Amino acid sequence: MDKLVTELEQLTQQGLAKLITMDAERLGEYMEQRGEIMEALLAITPSALQKASFKDRIQAVVSLDPIFLRKMEQFRDEASSQLAKLDTGKTQRNAYDNNYDGESLFFDRKK
């Protein structure tokens, strides 16, 4: 368990150091790695002594979650903004595009 907690702490510190320059893909990879470690920790049934000794270390890591959450929300907002721009552009293009068939013919009949 100590190895997993240490690995989680190191991964978190590395993630914090690189957070400013992380793109969405790298942040996703980081979160997947973190999730795997957390799942491994949850699979272990620690004794009461182990729980007490690792509680503060894990809480310190979890207390940094809002920082990573803000970065993920920033990426979400940017993606949402870009999608809105694409939808607006598509709507405007459809409004001005000529949807007429250039080969259609009209015949006038005399009455």
PDB file of N, CA and C in Angstrom:
ATOM      1  N   MET A   1       0.831  -1.187   0.000  1.00  0.00           N
ATOM      2  CA  MET A   1       0.000   0.000   0.000  1.00  0.00           C
ATOM      3  C   MET A   1       0.877   1.253   0.000  1.00  0.00           C
ATOM      4  N   ASP A   2       1.990   1.195   0.717  1.00  0.00           N
ATOM      5  CA  ASP A   2       2.891   2.336   0.774  1.00  0.00           C
ATOM      6  C   ASP A   2       3.416   2.682  -0.617  1.00  0.00           C
ATOM      7  N   LYS A   3       3.718   1.659  -1.390  1.00  0.00           N
ATOM      8  CA  LYS A   3       4.221   1.881  -2.751  1.00  0.00           C
ATOM      9  C   LYS A   3       3.176   2.606  -3.603  1.00  0.00           C
ATOM     10  N   LEU A   4       1.924   2.183  -3.506  1.00  0.00           N
ATOM     11  CA  LEU A   4       0.852   2.804  -4.290  1.00  0.00           C
ATOM     12  C   LEU A   4       0.620   4.254  -3.875  1.00  0.00           C
ATOM     13  N   VAL A   5       0.631   4.508  -2.577  1.00  0.00           N
ATOM     14  CA  VAL A   5       0.421   5.873  -2.094  1.00  0.00           C
ATOM     15  C   VAL A   5       1.578   6.768  -2.533  1.00  0.00           C
ATOM     16  N   THR A   6       2.799   6.252  -2.454  1.00  0.00           N
ATOM     17  CA  THR A   6       3.971   7.019  -2.903  1.00  0.00           C
ATOM     18  C   THR A   6       3.882   7.296  -4.394  1.00  0.00           C
ATOM     19  N   GLU A   7       3.478   6.286  -5.160  1.00  0.00           N
ATOM     20  CA  GLU A   7       3.316   6.461  -6.604  1.00  0.00           C
ATOM     21  C   GLU A   7       2.251   7.509  -6.912  1.00  0.00           C
ATOM     22  N   LEU A   8       1.161   7.485  -6.169  1.00  0.00           N
ATOM     23  CA  LEU A   8       0.092   8.467  -6.346  1.00  0.00           C
ATOM     24  C   LEU A   8       0.591   9.880  -6.034  1.00  0.00           C
ATOM     25  N   GLU A   9       1.349  10.006  -4.967  1.00  0.00           N
ATOM     26  CA  GLU A   9       1.907  11.321  -4.598  1.00  0.00           C
ATOM     27  C   GLU A   9       2.859  11.838  -5.676  1.00  0.00           C
ATOM     28  N   GLN A  10       3.726  10.962  -6.171  1.00  0.00           N
ATOM     29  CA  GLN A  10       4.672  11.372  -7.210  1.00  0.00           C
ATOM     30  C   GLN A  10       3.946  11.769  -8.492  1.00  0.00           C
ATOM     31  N   LEU A  11       2.966  10.980  -8.876  1.00  0.00           N
ATOM     32  CA  LEU A  11       2.192  11.282 -10.083  1.00  0.00           C
ATOM     33  C   LEU A  11       1.475  12.623  -9.936  1.00  0.00           C
ATOM     34  N   THR A  12       0.937  12.874  -8.760  1.00  0.00           N
ATOM     35  CA  THR A  12       0.236  14.134  -8.513  1.00  0.00           C
ATOM     36  C   THR A  12       1.194  15.315  -8.589  1.00  0.00           C
ATOM     37  N   GLN A  13       2.373  15.180  -8.007  1.00  0.00           N
ATOM     38  CA  GLN A  13       3.354  16.269  -8.054  1.00  0.00           C
ATOM     39  C   GLN A  13       3.817  16.522  -9.484  1.00  0.00           C
ATOM     40  N   GLN A  14       4.034  15.461 -10.250  1.00  0.00           N
ATOM     41  CA  GLN A  14       4.411  15.612 -11.655  1.00  0.00           C
ATOM     42  C   GLN A  14       3.285  16.281 -12.444  1.00  0.00           C
ATOM     43  N   GLY A  15       2.062  15.866 -12.164  1.00  0.00           N
ATOM     44  CA  GLY A  15       0.909  16.465 -12.841  1.00  0.00           C
ATOM     45  C   GLY A  15       0.774  17.940 -12.534  1.00  0.00           C
ATOM     46  N   LEU A  16       0.981  18.314 -11.281  1.00  0.00           N
ATOM     47  CA  LEU A  16       0.921  19.735 -10.907  1.00  0.00           C
ATOM     48  C   LEU A  16       1.996  20.539 -11.602  1.00  0.00           C
ATOM     49  N   ALA A  17       3.186  19.965 -11.697  1.00  0.00           N
ATOM     50  CA  ALA A  17       4.305  20.675 -12.329  1.00  0.00           C
ATOM     51  C   ALA A  17       4.045  20.910 -13.816  1.00  0.00           C
ATOM     52  N   LYS A  18       3.347  19.987 -14.455  1.00  0.00           N
ATOM     53  CA  LYS A  18       3.108  20.080 -15.901  1.00  0.00           C
ATOM     54  C   LYS A  18       1.723  20.596 -16.254  1.00  0.00           C
ATOM     55  N   LEU A  19       0.917  20.906 -15.262  1.00  0.00           N
ATOM     56  CA  LEU A  19      -0.488  21.247 -15.498  1.00  0.00           C
ATOM     57  C   LEU A  19      -0.659  22.455 -16.409  1.00  0.00           C
ATOM     58  N   ILE A  20       0.172  23.455 -16.253  1.00  0.00           N
ATOM     59  CA  ILE A  20       0.027  24.669 -17.061  1.00  0.00           C
ATOM     60  C   ILE A  20       0.208  24.381 -18.544  1.00  0.00           C
ATOM     61  N   THR A  21       1.125  23.481 -18.867  1.00  0.00           N
ATOM     62  CA  THR A  21       1.402  23.198 -20.275  1.00  0.00           C
ATOM     63  C   THR A  21       0.660  21.974 -20.806  1.00  0.00           C
ATOM     64  N   MET A  22      -0.124  21.320 -19.956  1.00  0.00           N
ATOM     65  CA  MET A  22      -0.851  20.117 -20.381  1.00  0.00           C
ATOM     66  C   MET A  22      -1.952  20.457 -21.359  1.00  0.00           C
ATOM     67  N   ASP A  23      -2.076  19.614 -22.383  1.00  0.00           N
ATOM     68  CA  ASP A  23      -3.236  19.722 -23.258  1.00  0.00           C
ATOM     69  C   ASP A  23      -4.277  18.709 -22.771  1.00  0.00           C
ATOM     70  N   ALA A  24      -5.400  18.695 -23.407  1.00  0.00           N
ATOM     71  CA  ALA A  24      -6.506  17.841 -22.949  1.00  0.00           C
ATOM     72  C   ALA A  24      -6.141  16.365 -23.003  1.00  0.00           C
ATOM     73  N   GLU A  25      -5.391  15.969 -24.023  1.00  0.00           N
ATOM     74  CA  GLU A  25      -5.007  14.567 -24.164  1.00  0.00           C
ATOM     75  C   GLU A  25      -4.086  14.133 -23.027  1.00  0.00           C
ATOM     76  N   ARG A  26      -3.109  14.951 -22.708  1.00  0.00           N
ATOM     77  CA  ARG A  26      -2.172  14.634 -21.614  1.00  0.00           C
ATOM     78  C   ARG A  26      -2.898  14.600 -20.267  1.00  0.00           C
ATOM     79  N   LEU A  27      -3.826  15.513 -20.074  1.00  0.00           N
ATOM     80  CA  LEU A  27      -4.588  15.530 -18.833  1.00  0.00           C
ATOM     81  C   LEU A  27      -5.433  14.260 -18.722  1.00  0.00           C
ATOM     82  N   GLY A  28      -5.986  13.822 -19.830  1.00  0.00           N
ATOM     83  CA  GLY A  28      -6.750  12.578 -19.843  1.00  0.00           C
ATOM     84  C   GLY A  28      -5.880  11.376 -19.484  1.00  0.00           C
ATOM     85  N   GLU A  29      -4.663  11.340 -20.030  1.00  0.00           N
ATOM     86  CA  GLU A  29      -3.738  10.259 -19.710  1.00  0.00           C
ATOM     87  C   GLU A  29      -3.384  10.280 -18.223  1.00  0.00           C
ATOM     88  N   TYR A  30      -3.151  11.472 -17.706  1.00  0.00           N
ATOM     89  CA  TYR A  30      -2.839  11.615 -16.285  1.00  0.00           C
ATOM     90  C   TYR A  30      -3.989  11.075 -15.429  1.00  0.00           C
ATOM     91  N   MET A  31      -5.203  11.459 -15.776  1.00  0.00           N
ATOM     92  CA  MET A  31      -6.361  11.042 -14.991  1.00  0.00           C
ATOM     93  C   MET A  31      -6.566   9.524 -15.065  1.00  0.00           C
ATOM     94  N   GLU A  32      -6.268   8.926 -16.219  1.00  0.00           N
ATOM     95  CA  GLU A  32      -6.380   7.473 -16.344  1.00  0.00           C
ATOM     96  C   GLU A  32      -5.361   6.777 -15.437  1.00  0.00           C
ATOM     97  N   GLN A  33      -4.114   7.280 -15.446  1.00  0.00           N
ATOM     98  CA  GLN A  33      -3.084   6.703 -14.578  1.00  0.00           C
ATOM     99  C   GLN A  33      -3.487   6.836 -13.112  1.00  0.00           C
ATOM    100  N   ARG A  34      -3.983   7.990 -12.773  1.00  0.00           N
ATOM    101  CA  ARG A  34      -4.401   8.242 -11.389  1.00  0.00           C
ATOM    102  C   ARG A  34      -5.554   7.324 -11.004  1.00  0.00           C
ATOM    103  N   GLY A  35      -6.483   7.136 -11.918  1.00  0.00           N
ATOM    104  CA  GLY A  35      -7.620   6.259 -11.673  1.00  0.00           C
ATOM    105  C   GLY A  35      -7.190   4.814 -11.442  1.00  0.00           C
ATOM    106  N   GLU A  36      -6.205   4.357 -12.206  1.00  0.00           N
ATOM    107  CA  GLU A  36      -5.709   2.991 -12.031  1.00  0.00           C
ATOM    108  C   GLU A  36      -5.094   2.813 -10.644  1.00  0.00           C
ATOM    109  N   ILE A  37      -4.327   3.800 -10.205  1.00  0.00           N
ATOM    110  CA  ILE A  37      -3.722   3.721  -8.875  1.00  0.00           C
ATOM    111  C   ILE A  37      -4.805   3.746  -7.800  1.00  0.00           C
ATOM    112  N   MET A  38      -5.789   4.608  -7.968  1.00  0.00           N
ATOM    113  CA  MET A  38      -6.871   4.701  -6.986  1.00  0.00           C
ATOM    114  C   MET A  38      -7.659   3.387  -6.922  1.00  0.00           C
ATOM    115  N   GLU A  39      -7.906   2.766  -8.083  1.00  0.00           N
ATOM    116  CA  GLU A  39      -8.614   1.486  -8.090  1.00  0.00           C
ATOM    117  C   GLU A  39      -7.804   0.415  -7.366  1.00  0.00           C
ATOM    118  N   ALA A  40      -6.480   0.428  -7.581  1.00  0.00           N
ATOM    119  CA  ALA A  40      -5.620  -0.529  -6.888  1.00  0.00           C
ATOM    120  C   ALA A  40      -5.667  -0.298  -5.372  1.00  0.00           C
ATOM    121  N   LEU A  41      -5.698   0.963  -4.974  1.00  0.00           N
ATOM    122  CA  LEU A  41      -5.791   1.277  -3.545  1.00  0.00           C
ATOM    123  C   LEU A  41      -7.127   0.827  -2.959  1.00  0.00           C
ATOM    124  N   LEU A  42      -8.191   1.000  -3.717  1.00  0.00           N
ATOM    125  CA  LEU A  42      -9.508   0.598  -3.231  1.00  0.00           C
ATOM    126  C   LEU A  42      -9.648  -0.919  -3.149  1.00  0.00           C
ATOM    127  N   ALA A  43      -8.870  -1.637  -3.965  1.00  0.00           N
ATOM    128  CA  ALA A  43      -8.935  -3.098  -3.953  1.00  0.00           C
ATOM    129  C   ALA A  43      -8.261  -3.687  -2.712  1.00  0.00           C
ATOM    130  N   ILE A  44      -7.385  -2.911  -2.096  1.00  0.00           N
ATOM    131  CA  ILE A  44      -6.676  -3.372  -0.903  1.00  0.00           C
ATOM    132  C   ILE A  44      -7.559  -3.143   0.316  1.00  0.00           C
ATOM    133  N   THR A  45      -7.552  -4.105   1.206  1.00  0.00           N
ATOM    134  CA  THR A  45      -8.282  -3.959   2.463  1.00  0.00           C
ATOM    135  C   THR A  45      -7.244  -3.673   3.554  1.00  0.00           C
ATOM    136  N   PRO A  46      -7.060  -2.396   3.869  1.00  0.00           N
ATOM    137  CA  PRO A  46      -6.024  -2.041   4.845  1.00  0.00           C
ATOM    138  C   PRO A  46      -6.474  -2.281   6.285  1.00  0.00           C
ATOM    139  N   SER A  47      -5.500  -2.466   7.129  1.00  0.00           N
ATOM    140  CA  SER A  47      -5.801  -2.579   8.559  1.00  0.00           C
ATOM    141  C   SER A  47      -6.076  -1.178   9.102  1.00  0.00           C
ATOM    142  N   ALA A  48      -6.560  -1.115  10.312  1.00  0.00           N
ATOM    143  CA  ALA A  48      -6.851   0.185  10.922  1.00  0.00           C
ATOM    144  C   ALA A  48      -5.589   1.021  11.063  1.00  0.00           C
ATOM    145  N   LEU A  49      -4.466   0.367  11.350  1.00  0.00           N
ATOM    146  CA  LEU A  49      -3.191   1.071  11.483  1.00  0.00           C
ATOM    147  C   LEU A  49      -2.760   1.659  10.144  1.00  0.00           C
ATOM    148  N   GLN A  50      -2.924   0.882   9.068  1.00  0.00           N
ATOM    149  CA  GLN A  50      -2.573   1.374   7.736  1.00  0.00           C
ATOM    150  C   GLN A  50      -3.474   2.536   7.331  1.00  0.00           C
ATOM    151  N   LYS A  51      -4.754   2.411   7.631  1.00  0.00           N
ATOM    152  CA  LYS A  51      -5.684   3.502   7.306  1.00  0.00           C
ATOM    153  C   LYS A  51      -5.244   4.796   7.968  1.00  0.00           C
ATOM    154  N   ALA A  52      -4.901   4.718   9.230  1.00  0.00           N
ATOM    155  CA  ALA A  52      -4.499   5.908   9.973  1.00  0.00           C
ATOM    156  C   ALA A  52      -3.199   6.493   9.436  1.00  0.00           C
ATOM    157  N   SER A  53      -2.252   5.619   9.070  1.00  0.00           N
ATOM    158  CA  SER A  53      -0.956   6.125   8.628  1.00  0.00           C
ATOM    159  C   SER A  53      -1.008   6.747   7.230  1.00  0.00           C
ATOM    160  N   PHE A  54      -1.902   6.265   6.373  1.00  0.00           N
ATOM    161  CA  PHE A  54      -1.971   6.783   4.999  1.00  0.00           C
ATOM    162  C   PHE A  54      -3.067   7.814   4.799  1.00  0.00           C
ATOM    163  N   LYS A  55      -3.920   7.997   5.774  1.00  0.00           N
ATOM    164  CA  LYS A  55      -5.066   8.904   5.637  1.00  0.00           C
ATOM    165  C   LYS A  55      -4.628  10.322   5.279  1.00  0.00           C
ATOM    166  N   ASP A  56      -3.669  10.869   6.008  1.00  0.00           N
ATOM    167  CA  ASP A  56      -3.230  12.246   5.758  1.00  0.00           C
ATOM    168  C   ASP A  56      -2.583  12.392   4.387  1.00  0.00           C
ATOM    169  N   ARG A  57      -1.801  11.411   3.991  1.00  0.00           N
ATOM    170  CA  ARG A  57      -1.130  11.483   2.681  1.00  0.00           C
ATOM    171  C   ARG A  57      -2.141  11.445   1.543  1.00  0.00           C
ATOM    172  N   ILE A  58      -3.123  10.585   1.669  1.00  0.00           N
ATOM    173  CA  ILE A  58      -4.139  10.482   0.619  1.00  0.00           C
ATOM    174  C   ILE A  58      -5.022  11.721   0.602  1.00  0.00           C
ATOM    175  N   GLN A  59      -5.361  12.238   1.765  1.00  0.00           N
ATOM    176  CA  GLN A  59      -6.167  13.464   1.820  1.00  0.00           C
ATOM    177  C   GLN A  59      -5.415  14.640   1.203  1.00  0.00           C
ATOM    178  N   ALA A  60      -4.096  14.678   1.374  1.00  0.00           N
ATOM    179  CA  ALA A  60      -3.298  15.746   0.760  1.00  0.00           C
ATOM    180  C   ALA A  60      -3.376  15.670  -0.763  1.00  0.00           C
ATOM    181  N   VAL A  61      -3.343  14.462  -1.291  1.00  0.00           N
ATOM    182  CA  VAL A  61      -3.448  14.280  -2.746  1.00  0.00           C
ATOM    183  C   VAL A  61      -4.842  14.661  -3.221  1.00  0.00           C
ATOM    184  N   VAL A  62      -5.859  14.204  -2.510  1.00  0.00           N
ATOM    185  CA  VAL A  62      -7.247  14.474  -2.891  1.00  0.00           C
ATOM    186  C   VAL A  62      -7.565  15.965  -2.764  1.00  0.00           C
ATOM    187  N   SER A  63      -6.909  16.655  -1.859  1.00  0.00           N
ATOM    188  CA  SER A  63      -7.164  18.089  -1.692  1.00  0.00           C
ATOM    189  C   SER A  63      -6.719  18.893  -2.908  1.00  0.00           C
ATOM    190  N   LEU A  64      -5.884  18.305  -3.760  1.00  0.00           N
ATOM    191  CA  LEU A  64      -5.428  18.984  -4.972  1.00  0.00           C
ATOM    192  C   LEU A  64      -6.368  18.754  -6.153  1.00  0.00           C
ATOM    193  N   ASP A  65      -7.373  17.926  -5.975  1.00  0.00           N
ATOM    194  CA  ASP A  65      -8.318  17.624  -7.052  1.00  0.00           C
ATOM    195  C   ASP A  65      -8.978  18.863  -7.662  1.00  0.00           C
ATOM    196  N   PRO A  66      -9.373  19.869  -6.863  1.00  0.00           N
ATOM    197  CA  PRO A  66     -10.010  21.040  -7.479  1.00  0.00           C
ATOM    198  C   PRO A  66      -9.130  21.751  -8.511  1.00  0.00           C
ATOM    199  N   ILE A  67      -7.827  21.693  -8.348  1.00  0.00           N
ATOM    200  CA  ILE A  67      -6.924  22.322  -9.314  1.00  0.00           C
ATOM    201  C   ILE A  67      -7.044  21.612 -10.661  1.00  0.00           C
ATOM    202  N   PHE A  68      -7.015  20.286 -10.621  1.00  0.00           N
ATOM    203  CA  PHE A  68      -7.140  19.509 -11.849  1.00  0.00           C
ATOM    204  C   PHE A  68      -8.545  19.631 -12.425  1.00  0.00           C
ATOM    205  N   LEU A  69      -9.529  19.724 -11.561  1.00  0.00           N
ATOM    206  CA  LEU A  69     -10.912  19.876 -12.005  1.00  0.00           C
ATOM    207  C   LEU A  69     -11.108  21.191 -12.760  1.00  0.00           C
ATOM    208  N   ARG A  70     -10.503  22.266 -12.248  1.00  0.00           N
ATOM    209  CA  ARG A  70     -10.605  23.561 -12.948  1.00  0.00           C
ATOM    210  C   ARG A  70      -9.993  23.486 -14.338  1.00  0.00           C
ATOM    211  N   LYS A  71      -8.875  22.782 -14.472  1.00  0.00           N
ATOM    212  CA  LYS A  71      -8.233  22.642 -15.784  1.00  0.00           C
ATOM    213  C   LYS A  71      -9.129  21.848 -16.730  1.00  0.00           C
ATOM    214  N   MET A  72      -9.754  20.787 -16.221  1.00  0.00           N
ATOM    215  CA  MET A  72     -10.657  20.002 -17.059  1.00  0.00           C
ATOM    216  C   MET A  72     -11.871  20.835 -17.466  1.00  0.00           C
ATOM    217  N   GLU A  73     -12.389  21.636 -16.550  1.00  0.00           N
ATOM    218  CA  GLU A  73     -13.520  22.504 -16.875  1.00  0.00           C
ATOM    219  C   GLU A  73     -13.128  23.543 -17.913  1.00  0.00           C
ATOM    220  N   GLN A  74     -11.905  24.025 -17.839  1.00  0.00           N
ATOM    221  CA  GLN A  74     -11.407  24.985 -18.826  1.00  0.00           C
ATOM    222  C   GLN A  74     -11.397  24.349 -20.215  1.00  0.00           C
ATOM    223  N   PHE A  75     -10.912  23.117 -20.311  1.00  0.00           N
ATOM    224  CA  PHE A  75     -10.918  22.415 -21.595  1.00  0.00           C
ATOM    225  C   PHE A  75     -12.344  22.174 -22.080  1.00  0.00           C
ATOM    226  N   ARG A  76     -13.242  21.829 -21.162  1.00  0.00           N
ATOM    227  CA  ARG A  76     -14.641  21.605 -21.530  1.00  0.00           C
ATOM    228  C   ARG A  76     -15.262  22.880 -22.086  1.00  0.00           C
ATOM    229  N   ASP A  77     -15.011  24.007 -21.405  1.00  0.00           N
ATOM    230  CA  ASP A  77     -15.574  25.277 -21.853  1.00  0.00           C
ATOM    231  C   ASP A  77     -15.021  25.684 -23.214  1.00  0.00           C
ATOM    232  N   GLU A  78     -13.722  25.458 -23.430  1.00  0.00           N
ATOM    233  CA  GLU A  78     -13.124  25.772 -24.726  1.00  0.00           C
ATOM    234  C   GLU A  78     -13.746  24.916 -25.828  1.00  0.00           C
ATOM    235  N   ALA A  79     -13.917  23.635 -25.558  1.00  0.00           N
ATOM    236  CA  ALA A  79     -14.517  22.740 -26.550  1.00  0.00           C
ATOM    237  C   ALA A  79     -15.963  23.136 -26.833  1.00  0.00           C
ATOM    238  N   SER A  80     -16.690  23.497 -25.801  1.00  0.00           N
ATOM    239  CA  SER A  80     -18.078  23.915 -25.970  1.00  0.00           C
ATOM    240  C   SER A  80     -18.162  25.179 -26.816  1.00  0.00           C
ATOM    241  N   SER A  81     -17.250  26.097 -26.565  1.00  0.00           N
ATOM    242  CA  SER A  81     -17.211  27.338 -27.332  1.00  0.00           C
ATOM    243  C   SER A  81     -16.916  27.060 -28.808  1.00  0.00           C
ATOM    244  N   GLN A  82     -15.963  26.177 -29.049  1.00  0.00           N
ATOM    245  CA  GLN A  82     -15.627  25.844 -30.439  1.00  0.00           C
ATOM    246  C   GLN A  82     -16.795  25.153 -31.142  1.00  0.00           C
ATOM    247  N   LEU A  83     -17.484  24.277 -30.431  1.00  0.00           N
ATOM    248  CA  LEU A  83     -18.647  23.611 -31.030  1.00  0.00           C
ATOM    249  C   LEU A  83     -19.755  24.613 -31.348  1.00  0.00           C
ATOM    250  N   ALA A  84     -19.948  25.577 -30.467  1.00  0.00           N
ATOM    251  CA  ALA A  84     -20.959  26.607 -30.713  1.00  0.00           C
ATOM    252  C   ALA A  84     -20.598  27.423 -31.951  1.00  0.00           C
ATOM    253  N   LYS A  85     -19.321  27.749 -32.099  1.00  0.00           N
ATOM    254  CA  LYS A  85     -18.875  28.491 -33.282  1.00  0.00           C
ATOM    255  C   LYS A  85     -19.104  27.681 -34.550  1.00  0.00           C
ATOM    256  N   LEU A  86     -18.815  26.378 -34.492  1.00  0.00           N
ATOM    257  CA  LEU A  86     -19.035  25.524 -35.660  1.00  0.00           C
ATOM    258  C   LEU A  86     -20.513  25.451 -36.018  1.00  0.00           C
ATOM    259  N   ASP A  87     -21.370  25.316 -35.015  1.00  0.00           N
ATOM    260  CA  ASP A  87     -22.809  25.267 -35.265  1.00  0.00           C
ATOM    261  C   ASP A  87     -23.315  26.573 -35.862  1.00  0.00           C
ATOM    262  N   THR A  88     -22.815  27.696 -35.342  1.00  0.00           N
ATOM    263  CA  THR A  88     -23.210  28.994 -35.871  1.00  0.00           C
ATOM    264  C   THR A  88     -22.777  29.142 -37.318  1.00  0.00           C
ATOM    265  N   GLY A  89     -21.548  28.732 -37.600  1.00  0.00           N
ATOM    266  CA  GLY A  89     -21.041  28.804 -38.969  1.00  0.00           C
ATOM    267  C   GLY A  89     -21.825  27.927 -39.913  1.00  0.00           C
ATOM    268  N   LYS A  90     -22.179  26.737 -39.443  1.00  0.00           N
ATOM    269  CA  LYS A  90     -22.946  25.822 -40.280  1.00  0.00           C
ATOM    270  C   LYS A  90     -24.329  26.394 -40.562  1.00  0.00           C
ATOM    271  N   THR A  91     -24.952  26.987 -39.569  1.00  0.00           N
ATOM    272  CA  THR A  91     -26.277  27.587 -39.742  1.00  0.00           C
ATOM    273  C   THR A  91     -26.213  28.741 -40.734  1.00  0.00           C
ATOM    274  N   GLN A  92     -25.212  29.594 -40.588  1.00  0.00           N
ATOM    275  CA  GLN A  92     -25.072  30.727 -41.506  1.00  0.00           C
ATOM    276  C   GLN A  92     -24.766  30.258 -42.919  1.00  0.00           C
ATOM    277  N   ARG A  93     -23.923  29.258 -43.059  1.00  0.00           N
ATOM    278  CA  ARG A  93     -23.589  28.744 -44.386  1.00  0.00           C
ATOM    279  C   ARG A  93     -24.821  28.139 -45.047  1.00  0.00           C
ATOM    280  N   ASN A  94     -25.622  27.414 -44.287  1.00  0.00           N
ATOM    281  CA  ASN A  94     -26.836  26.817 -44.847  1.00  0.00           C
ATOM    282  C   ASN A  94     -27.841  27.889 -45.263  1.00  0.00           C
ATOM    283  N   ALA A  95     -27.881  28.987 -44.538  1.00  0.00           N
ATOM    284  CA  ALA A  95     -28.830  30.053 -44.868  1.00  0.00           C
ATOM    285  C   ALA A  95     -28.461  30.740 -46.182  1.00  0.00           C
ATOM    286  N   TYR A  96     -27.178  30.835 -46.457  1.00  0.00           N
ATOM    287  CA  TYR A  96     -26.738  31.560 -47.651  1.00  0.00           C
ATOM    288  C   TYR A  96     -26.390  30.654 -48.823  1.00  0.00           C
ATOM    289  N   ASP A  97     -26.277  29.365 -48.582  1.00  0.00           N
ATOM    290  CA  ASP A  97     -25.975  28.455 -49.684  1.00  0.00           C
ATOM    291  C   ASP A  97     -27.156  28.376 -50.639  1.00  0.00           C
ATOM    292  N   ASN A  98     -26.837  28.230 -51.896  1.00  0.00           N
ATOM    293  CA  ASN A  98     -27.859  28.082 -52.917  1.00  0.00           C
ATOM    294  C   ASN A  98     -28.200  26.604 -53.013  1.00  0.00           C
ATOM    295  N   ASN A  99     -29.354  26.241 -52.548  1.00  0.00           N
ATOM    296  CA  ASN A  99     -29.766  24.846 -52.547  1.00  0.00           C
ATOM    297  C   ASN A  99     -30.560  24.468 -53.794  1.00  0.00           C
ATOM    298  N   TYR A 100     -30.451  25.247 -54.832  1.00  0.00           N
ATOM    299  CA  TYR A 100     -31.212  24.981 -56.045  1.00  0.00           C
ATOM    300  C   TYR A 100     -30.415  24.080 -56.963  1.00  0.00           C
ATOM    301  N   ASP A 101     -31.131  23.245 -57.661  1.00  0.00           N
ATOM    302  CA  ASP A 101     -30.508  22.366 -58.635  1.00  0.00           C
ATOM    303  C   ASP A 101     -30.254  23.174 -59.907  1.00  0.00           C
ATOM    304  N   GLY A 102     -29.017  23.246 -60.319  1.00  0.00           N
ATOM    305  CA  GLY A 102     -28.667  24.058 -61.476  1.00  0.00           C
ATOM    306  C   GLY A 102     -29.159  23.493 -62.786  1.00  0.00           C
ATOM    307  N   GLU A 103     -29.577  22.258 -62.833  1.00  0.00           N
ATOM    308  CA  GLU A 103     -30.016  21.642 -64.072  1.00  0.00           C
ATOM    309  C   GLU A 103     -31.532  21.596 -64.218  1.00  0.00           C
ATOM    310  N   SER A 104     -32.229  22.168 -63.290  1.00  0.00           N
ATOM    311  CA  SER A 104     -33.693  22.127 -63.393  1.00  0.00           C
ATOM    312  C   SER A 104     -34.158  23.102 -64.476  1.00  0.00           C
ATOM    313  N   LEU A 105     -35.207  22.738 -65.117  1.00  0.00           N
ATOM    314  CA  LEU A 105     -35.751  23.553 -66.200  1.00  0.00           C
ATOM    315  C   LEU A 105     -37.189  23.936 -65.876  1.00  0.00           C
ATOM    316  N   PHE A 106     -37.541  25.119 -66.293  1.00  0.00           N
ATOM    317  CA  PHE A 106     -38.924  25.578 -66.110  1.00  0.00           C
ATOM    318  C   PHE A 106     -39.563  25.763 -67.490  1.00  0.00           C
ATOM    319  N   PHE A 107     -40.767  25.312 -67.583  1.00  0.00           N
ATOM    320  CA  PHE A 107     -41.499  25.491 -68.825  1.00  0.00           C
ATOM    321  C   PHE A 107     -42.718  26.338 -68.542  1.00  0.00           C
ATOM    322  N   ASP A 108     -42.887  27.327 -69.388  1.00  0.00           N
ATOM    323  CA  ASP A 108     -44.094  28.145 -69.294  1.00  0.00           C
ATOM    324  C   ASP A 108     -45.111  27.628 -70.305  1.00  0.00           C
ATOM    325  N   ARG A 109     -46.336  27.586 -69.881  1.00  0.00           N
ATOM    326  CA  ARG A 109     -47.400  27.182 -70.801  1.00  0.00           C
ATOM    327  C   ARG A 109     -48.264  28.382 -71.097  1.00  0.00           C
ATOM    328  N   LYS A 110     -48.675  28.474 -72.303  1.00  0.00           N
ATOM    329  CA  LYS A 110     -49.615  29.521 -72.684  1.00  0.00           C
ATOM    330  C   LYS A 110     -51.004  29.011 -72.424  1.00  0.00           C
ATOM    331  N   LYS A 111     -51.805  29.868 -71.903  1.00  0.00           N
ATOM    332  CA  LYS A 111     -53.184  29.476 -71.661  1.00  0.00           C
ATOM    333  C   LYS A 111     -54.077  30.043 -72.700  1.00  0.00           C
TER     334      LYS A 111
END
